[in-house]
Amino acid sequence: MRGLDLKQDELFSYTTLEQRIPNDHPLRPLRRLVDTVLASMDRDFDGLYS
């Protein structure tokens, strides 16, 4: 094979998205808001998915 022989040391990454996203990232407050809204809709989802 021509060119550089670059090898990947590890196939899998064992870090979570929480570890990759900085604490001050603007999406963090949005995530809390969306989680709260979705939790309030649990009963609606239960009816739809039963």
C-alpha atoms as a PDB file:
ATOM      1  CA  MET A   1       0.000   0.000   0.000  1.00  0.00           C
ATOM      2  CA  ARG A   2       1.297   3.432  -0.820  1.00  0.00           C
ATOM      3  CA  GLY A   3       1.543   6.361   1.551  1.00  0.00           C
ATOM      4  CA  LEU A   4       1.879   6.542   5.312  1.00  0.00           C
ATOM      5  CA  ASP A   5       0.902   3.523   7.372  1.00  0.00           C
ATOM      6  CA  LEU A   6      -1.283   5.231   9.968  1.00  0.00           C
ATOM      7  CA  LYS A   7      -2.797   2.892  12.532  1.00  0.00           C
ATOM      8  CA  GLN A   8      -5.673   3.575  14.871  1.00  0.00           C
ATOM      9  CA  ASP A   9      -4.621   2.675  18.401  1.00  0.00           C
ATOM     10  CA  GLU A  10      -8.075   2.126  19.831  1.00  0.00           C
ATOM     11  CA  LEU A  11     -11.289   1.199  18.110  1.00  0.00           C
ATOM     12  CA  PHE A  12     -13.722   2.359  20.794  1.00  0.00           C
ATOM     13  CA  SER A  13     -14.026   5.491  22.898  1.00  0.00           C
ATOM     14  CA  TYR A  14     -15.118   4.953  26.485  1.00  0.00           C
ATOM     15  CA  THR A  15     -16.003   8.523  27.357  1.00  0.00           C
ATOM     16  CA  THR A  16     -19.539   9.791  27.660  1.00  0.00           C
ATOM     17  CA  LEU A  17     -20.957  12.817  25.885  1.00  0.00           C
ATOM     18  CA  GLU A  18     -21.234  14.459  29.297  1.00  0.00           C
ATOM     19  CA  GLN A  19     -17.459  14.228  29.621  1.00  0.00           C
ATOM     20  CA  ARG A  20     -16.899  15.709  26.168  1.00  0.00           C
ATOM     21  CA  ILE A  21     -19.175  18.755  26.479  1.00  0.00           C
ATOM     22  CA  PRO A  22     -17.808  21.616  28.595  1.00  0.00           C
ATOM     23  CA  ASN A  23     -19.823  22.630  31.663  1.00  0.00           C
ATOM     24  CA  ASP A  24     -20.309  26.140  30.299  1.00  0.00           C
ATOM     25  CA  HIS A  25     -21.564  25.007  26.879  1.00  0.00           C
ATOM     26  CA  PRO A  26     -24.797  26.807  25.829  1.00  0.00           C
ATOM     27  CA  LEU A  27     -26.621  23.530  25.157  1.00  0.00           C
ATOM     28  CA  ARG A  28     -26.452  22.394  28.792  1.00  0.00           C
ATOM     29  CA  PRO A  29     -29.301  24.659  30.044  1.00  0.00           C
ATOM     30  CA  LEU A  30     -31.339  23.720  26.980  1.00  0.00           C
ATOM     31  CA  ARG A  31     -30.869  20.038  27.781  1.00  0.00           C
ATOM     32  CA  ARG A  32     -32.231  20.564  31.312  1.00  0.00           C
ATOM     33  CA  LEU A  33     -35.234  22.417  29.905  1.00  0.00           C
ATOM     34  CA  VAL A  34     -35.988  19.725  27.328  1.00  0.00           C
ATOM     35  CA  ASP A  35     -35.585  16.947  29.924  1.00  0.00           C
ATOM     36  CA  THR A  36     -38.100  18.720  32.180  1.00  0.00           C
ATOM     37  CA  VAL A  37     -40.619  19.171  29.356  1.00  0.00           C
ATOM     38  CA  LEU A  38     -40.297  15.561  28.216  1.00  0.00           C
ATOM     39  CA  ALA A  39     -40.664  14.287  31.787  1.00  0.00           C
ATOM     40  CA  SER A  40     -43.918  16.249  32.113  1.00  0.00           C
ATOM     41  CA  MET A  41     -45.181  14.465  28.983  1.00  0.00           C
ATOM     42  CA  ASP A  42     -44.539  10.928  30.296  1.00  0.00           C
ATOM     43  CA  ARG A  43     -48.242  10.186  30.745  1.00  0.00           C
ATOM     44  CA  ASP A  44     -48.972  11.291  27.165  1.00  0.00           C
ATOM     45  CA  PHE A  45     -46.178   9.112  25.831  1.00  0.00           C
ATOM     46  CA  ASP A  46     -47.371   6.135  27.868  1.00  0.00           C
ATOM     47  CA  GLY A  47     -50.767   6.401  26.165  1.00  0.00           C
ATOM     48  CA  LEU A  48     -49.229   6.666  22.724  1.00  0.00           C
ATOM     49  CA  TYR A  49     -46.843   3.741  23.172  1.00  0.00           C
ATOM     50  CA  SER A  50     -49.150   1.297  24.965  1.00  0.00           C
END
